[in-house]
Amino acid sequence: MEIFTKAKAVKLRSHLEKYVVADDDQETVRQSRNSSGKRARWFVELLHDKPNVIRLRSCHGKYLAATDLPFLLGMTGNKVLQTVPDKMDWKLQWSL
């Protein structure tokens, strides 16, 4: 957790050497080999009431959120999107 107290922004890289990138439609998230753009940066927001939880904000001001939607037909995993905080704020929280 110490890394997130010092870092203001992070880039999320998968085991396939691809980066999580916020699309310009301000809703979808995709993977890209290009990490040089601002869309690959996610700003870290610490939650003061939960020391082991962070939120990740895109360059568009929206947050990386988990969904219950399948990633691709026949594949494991679920989609992530960019969204604004709402009543289901827990979907925007990432624990380490």
N, C-alpha and C. Protein backbone atom coordinates (compact mmCIF):
# COMPACT_ATOMS: atom_id res chain seq x y z
N MET A 1 0.82 -1.20 0.00
CA MET A 1 0.00 0.00 0.00
C MET A 1 0.85 1.25 0.00
N GLU A 2 2.10 1.14 0.45
CA GLU A 2 2.98 2.30 0.52
C GLU A 2 3.19 2.95 -0.84
N ILE A 3 3.22 2.16 -1.89
CA ILE A 3 3.46 2.72 -3.23
C ILE A 3 2.34 3.70 -3.62
N PHE A 4 1.13 3.44 -3.18
CA PHE A 4 0.02 4.30 -3.56
C PHE A 4 -0.04 5.57 -2.73
N THR A 5 0.61 5.61 -1.58
CA THR A 5 0.65 6.85 -0.81
C THR A 5 1.63 7.84 -1.41
N LYS A 6 2.60 7.34 -2.16
CA LYS A 6 3.60 8.20 -2.78
C LYS A 6 3.28 8.52 -4.24
N ALA A 7 2.60 7.62 -4.93
CA ALA A 7 2.31 7.80 -6.35
C ALA A 7 1.02 8.60 -6.54
N LYS A 8 1.06 9.53 -7.48
CA LYS A 8 -0.15 10.28 -7.82
C LYS A 8 -0.89 9.64 -8.98
N ALA A 9 -0.14 8.95 -9.83
CA ALA A 9 -0.74 8.28 -10.98
C ALA A 9 0.00 6.98 -11.24
N VAL A 10 -0.72 6.02 -11.81
CA VAL A 10 -0.13 4.72 -12.14
C VAL A 10 -0.56 4.31 -13.54
N LYS A 11 0.20 3.38 -14.10
CA LYS A 11 -0.19 2.73 -15.35
C LYS A 11 -0.36 1.26 -15.02
N LEU A 12 -1.48 0.69 -15.45
CA LEU A 12 -1.80 -0.70 -15.15
C LEU A 12 -1.41 -1.58 -16.34
N ARG A 13 -0.45 -2.48 -16.11
CA ARG A 13 0.05 -3.34 -17.19
C ARG A 13 -0.30 -4.79 -16.88
N SER A 14 -0.81 -5.49 -17.89
CA SER A 14 -1.18 -6.89 -17.72
C SER A 14 0.03 -7.79 -17.96
N HIS A 15 -0.16 -9.07 -17.70
CA HIS A 15 0.90 -10.05 -17.95
C HIS A 15 1.19 -10.22 -19.44
N LEU A 16 0.32 -9.68 -20.30
CA LEU A 16 0.52 -9.73 -21.75
C LEU A 16 1.21 -8.47 -22.27
N GLU A 17 1.76 -7.66 -21.33
CA GLU A 17 2.47 -6.42 -21.67
C GLU A 17 1.56 -5.39 -22.34
N LYS A 18 0.27 -5.41 -22.00
CA LYS A 18 -0.67 -4.41 -22.49
C LYS A 18 -1.12 -3.54 -21.32
N TYR A 19 -1.49 -2.30 -21.62
CA TYR A 19 -1.88 -1.34 -20.59
C TYR A 19 -3.38 -1.09 -20.62
N VAL A 20 -3.96 -0.84 -19.45
CA VAL A 20 -5.37 -0.49 -19.35
C VAL A 20 -5.51 0.98 -19.74
N VAL A 21 -6.33 1.25 -20.77
CA VAL A 21 -6.44 2.59 -21.35
C VAL A 21 -7.90 3.04 -21.32
N ALA A 22 -8.13 4.29 -20.92
CA ALA A 22 -9.46 4.89 -20.93
C ALA A 22 -9.77 5.40 -22.33
N ASP A 23 -10.84 4.92 -22.94
CA ASP A 23 -11.21 5.36 -24.29
C ASP A 23 -11.78 6.77 -24.26
N ASP A 24 -11.76 7.43 -25.41
CA ASP A 24 -12.25 8.80 -25.52
C ASP A 24 -13.77 8.91 -25.39
N ASP A 25 -14.49 7.80 -25.51
CA ASP A 25 -15.95 7.87 -25.34
C ASP A 25 -16.33 8.06 -23.86
N GLN A 26 -15.34 8.06 -22.99
CA GLN A 26 -15.49 8.28 -21.55
C GLN A 26 -16.35 7.21 -20.87
N GLU A 27 -16.41 6.03 -21.48
CA GLU A 27 -17.15 4.93 -20.88
C GLU A 27 -16.36 3.63 -20.94
N THR A 28 -15.86 3.28 -22.10
CA THR A 28 -15.18 1.99 -22.24
C THR A 28 -13.71 2.08 -21.84
N VAL A 29 -13.19 0.90 -21.54
CA VAL A 29 -11.79 0.72 -21.18
C VAL A 29 -11.26 -0.40 -22.05
N ARG A 30 -10.06 -0.24 -22.55
CA ARG A 30 -9.50 -1.29 -23.41
C ARG A 30 -8.04 -1.51 -23.06
N GLN A 31 -7.41 -2.47 -23.73
CA GLN A 31 -5.99 -2.73 -23.55
C GLN A 31 -5.23 -2.24 -24.76
N SER A 32 -4.04 -1.70 -24.52
CA SER A 32 -3.22 -1.18 -25.61
C SER A 32 -1.75 -1.42 -25.29
N ARG A 33 -0.96 -1.61 -26.33
CA ARG A 33 0.49 -1.73 -26.13
C ARG A 33 1.14 -0.36 -25.95
N ASN A 34 0.43 0.70 -26.34
CA ASN A 34 0.95 2.06 -26.23
C ASN A 34 0.63 2.63 -24.84
N SER A 35 1.67 2.94 -24.09
CA SER A 35 1.46 3.49 -22.74
C SER A 35 1.89 4.94 -22.65
N SER A 36 2.21 5.55 -23.77
CA SER A 36 2.76 6.91 -23.73
C SER A 36 1.70 8.00 -23.59
N GLY A 37 0.47 7.71 -23.91
CA GLY A 37 -0.57 8.73 -23.88
C GLY A 37 -1.14 8.95 -22.49
N LYS A 38 -1.87 10.05 -22.34
CA LYS A 38 -2.48 10.38 -21.05
C LYS A 38 -3.60 9.41 -20.69
N ARG A 39 -4.16 8.72 -21.68
CA ARG A 39 -5.26 7.79 -21.41
C ARG A 39 -4.81 6.53 -20.67
N ALA A 40 -3.51 6.27 -20.64
CA ALA A 40 -2.98 5.10 -19.93
C ALA A 40 -2.71 5.41 -18.46
N ARG A 41 -2.81 6.67 -18.06
CA ARG A 41 -2.56 7.06 -16.66
C ARG A 41 -3.85 7.02 -15.85
N TRP A 42 -3.76 6.47 -14.68
CA TRP A 42 -4.88 6.40 -13.74
C TRP A 42 -4.44 7.10 -12.45
N PHE A 43 -5.17 8.12 -12.05
CA PHE A 43 -4.83 8.90 -10.87
C PHE A 43 -5.33 8.18 -9.63
N VAL A 44 -4.46 8.05 -8.65
CA VAL A 44 -4.76 7.31 -7.43
C VAL A 44 -5.43 8.24 -6.42
N GLU A 45 -6.57 7.79 -5.90
CA GLU A 45 -7.26 8.51 -4.82
C GLU A 45 -7.37 7.56 -3.63
N LEU A 46 -6.77 7.96 -2.53
CA LEU A 46 -6.83 7.17 -1.30
C LEU A 46 -8.15 7.43 -0.58
N LEU A 47 -8.67 6.43 0.07
CA LEU A 47 -9.87 6.58 0.89
C LEU A 47 -9.43 6.63 2.34
N HIS A 48 -9.69 7.74 2.99
CA HIS A 48 -9.20 7.95 4.35
C HIS A 48 -9.84 7.02 5.36
N ASP A 49 -11.10 6.63 5.14
CA ASP A 49 -11.77 5.75 6.09
C ASP A 49 -11.42 4.27 5.87
N LYS A 50 -10.80 3.95 4.70
CA LYS A 50 -10.40 2.58 4.40
C LYS A 50 -8.94 2.61 3.91
N PRO A 51 -7.99 2.32 4.78
CA PRO A 51 -6.58 2.49 4.42
C PRO A 51 -6.05 1.53 3.35
N ASN A 52 -6.71 0.41 3.10
CA ASN A 52 -6.22 -0.55 2.10
C ASN A 52 -7.03 -0.51 0.81
N VAL A 53 -7.75 0.60 0.57
CA VAL A 53 -8.61 0.72 -0.61
C VAL A 53 -8.25 2.01 -1.36
N ILE A 54 -8.24 1.91 -2.69
CA ILE A 54 -8.01 3.09 -3.54
C ILE A 54 -9.10 3.19 -4.59
N ARG A 55 -9.19 4.35 -5.22
CA ARG A 55 -10.01 4.54 -6.43
C ARG A 55 -9.06 5.02 -7.52
N LEU A 56 -9.35 4.64 -8.76
CA LEU A 56 -8.53 5.02 -9.90
C LEU A 56 -9.35 5.89 -10.84
N ARG A 57 -8.90 7.13 -11.04
CA ARG A 57 -9.61 8.12 -11.85
C ARG A 57 -8.89 8.29 -13.19
N SER A 58 -9.64 8.27 -14.27
CA SER A 58 -9.07 8.41 -15.61
C SER A 58 -8.79 9.88 -15.93
N CYS A 59 -8.18 10.11 -17.07
CA CYS A 59 -7.91 11.48 -17.52
C CYS A 59 -9.20 12.23 -17.84
N HIS A 60 -10.30 11.51 -17.98
CA HIS A 60 -11.60 12.12 -18.26
C HIS A 60 -12.37 12.46 -16.98
N GLY A 61 -11.79 12.12 -15.82
CA GLY A 61 -12.44 12.41 -14.55
C GLY A 61 -13.41 11.34 -14.09
N LYS A 62 -13.47 10.23 -14.80
CA LYS A 62 -14.34 9.13 -14.41
C LYS A 62 -13.50 8.04 -13.75
N TYR A 63 -14.15 7.14 -13.04
CA TYR A 63 -13.45 6.13 -12.25
C TYR A 63 -13.52 4.75 -12.89
N LEU A 64 -12.45 3.98 -12.69
CA LEU A 64 -12.41 2.60 -13.13
C LEU A 64 -13.33 1.79 -12.24
N ALA A 65 -14.32 1.12 -12.84
CA ALA A 65 -15.34 0.40 -12.08
C ALA A 65 -15.48 -1.03 -12.57
N ALA A 66 -15.68 -1.92 -11.63
CA ALA A 66 -15.94 -3.33 -11.95
C ALA A 66 -17.40 -3.51 -12.33
N THR A 67 -17.68 -4.45 -13.22
CA THR A 67 -19.06 -4.78 -13.59
C THR A 67 -19.28 -6.28 -13.44
N ASP A 68 -20.52 -6.69 -13.60
CA ASP A 68 -20.86 -8.11 -13.60
C ASP A 68 -20.96 -8.66 -15.02
N LEU A 69 -20.70 -7.83 -16.02
CA LEU A 69 -20.81 -8.23 -17.42
C LEU A 69 -19.60 -9.06 -17.83
N PRO A 70 -19.80 -10.13 -18.59
CA PRO A 70 -18.66 -10.94 -19.03
C PRO A 70 -17.78 -10.16 -20.00
N PHE A 71 -16.47 -10.41 -19.93
CA PHE A 71 -15.50 -9.72 -20.78
C PHE A 71 -15.74 -10.05 -22.25
N LEU A 72 -15.65 -11.30 -22.60
CA LEU A 72 -15.94 -11.78 -23.96
C LEU A 72 -16.63 -13.14 -23.84
N LEU A 73 -17.45 -13.45 -24.81
CA LEU A 73 -18.14 -14.74 -24.82
C LEU A 73 -17.11 -15.86 -24.82
N GLY A 74 -17.21 -16.76 -23.88
CA GLY A 74 -16.29 -17.88 -23.82
C GLY A 74 -15.00 -17.60 -23.08
N MET A 75 -14.82 -16.38 -22.61
CA MET A 75 -13.60 -16.01 -21.88
C MET A 75 -13.94 -15.83 -20.40
N THR A 76 -12.96 -15.98 -19.56
CA THR A 76 -13.17 -15.73 -18.14
C THR A 76 -12.92 -14.26 -17.84
N GLY A 77 -13.49 -13.78 -16.78
CA GLY A 77 -13.29 -12.39 -16.36
C GLY A 77 -14.48 -11.52 -16.70
N ASN A 78 -14.51 -10.35 -16.08
CA ASN A 78 -15.60 -9.40 -16.28
C ASN A 78 -15.07 -8.08 -16.83
N LYS A 79 -15.97 -7.29 -17.41
CA LYS A 79 -15.61 -5.99 -17.97
C LYS A 79 -15.37 -4.97 -16.87
N VAL A 80 -14.56 -3.99 -17.20
CA VAL A 80 -14.42 -2.79 -16.39
C VAL A 80 -14.79 -1.61 -17.26
N LEU A 81 -15.33 -0.57 -16.65
CA LEU A 81 -15.77 0.62 -17.36
C LEU A 81 -15.29 1.86 -16.63
N GLN A 82 -15.45 3.01 -17.31
CA GLN A 82 -15.28 4.31 -16.66
C GLN A 82 -16.66 4.78 -16.25
N THR A 83 -16.80 5.27 -15.03
CA THR A 83 -18.10 5.72 -14.57
C THR A 83 -17.94 6.79 -13.51
N VAL A 84 -19.06 7.41 -13.16
CA VAL A 84 -19.07 8.42 -12.10
C VAL A 84 -19.54 7.75 -10.81
N PRO A 85 -19.16 8.28 -9.65
CA PRO A 85 -19.62 7.67 -8.39
C PRO A 85 -21.15 7.74 -8.27
N ASP A 86 -21.73 6.70 -7.69
CA ASP A 86 -23.17 6.64 -7.46
C ASP A 86 -23.42 5.88 -6.17
N LYS A 87 -24.59 5.33 -6.04
CA LYS A 87 -24.93 4.59 -4.82
C LYS A 87 -24.11 3.32 -4.66
N MET A 88 -23.66 2.74 -5.76
CA MET A 88 -22.84 1.54 -5.70
C MET A 88 -21.37 1.93 -5.78
N ASP A 89 -20.95 2.79 -4.88
CA ASP A 89 -19.59 3.31 -4.85
C ASP A 89 -18.56 2.21 -4.62
N TRP A 90 -18.97 1.09 -4.03
CA TRP A 90 -18.04 -0.01 -3.76
C TRP A 90 -17.47 -0.61 -5.04
N LYS A 91 -18.15 -0.45 -6.16
CA LYS A 91 -17.63 -0.98 -7.43
C LYS A 91 -16.45 -0.16 -7.95
N LEU A 92 -16.25 1.02 -7.38
CA LEU A 92 -15.14 1.88 -7.76
C LEU A 92 -13.92 1.70 -6.87
N GLN A 93 -14.06 0.89 -5.86
CA GLN A 93 -13.00 0.72 -4.87
C GLN A 93 -12.19 -0.53 -5.16
N TRP A 94 -10.88 -0.37 -5.14
CA TRP A 94 -9.96 -1.46 -5.43
C TRP A 94 -9.10 -1.69 -4.21
N SER A 95 -9.10 -2.92 -3.72
CA SER A 95 -8.30 -3.23 -2.52
C SER A 95 -7.03 -3.97 -2.93
N LEU A 96 -6.05 -3.84 -2.07
CA LEU A 96 -4.76 -4.44 -2.34
C LEU A 96 -4.43 -5.53 -1.35
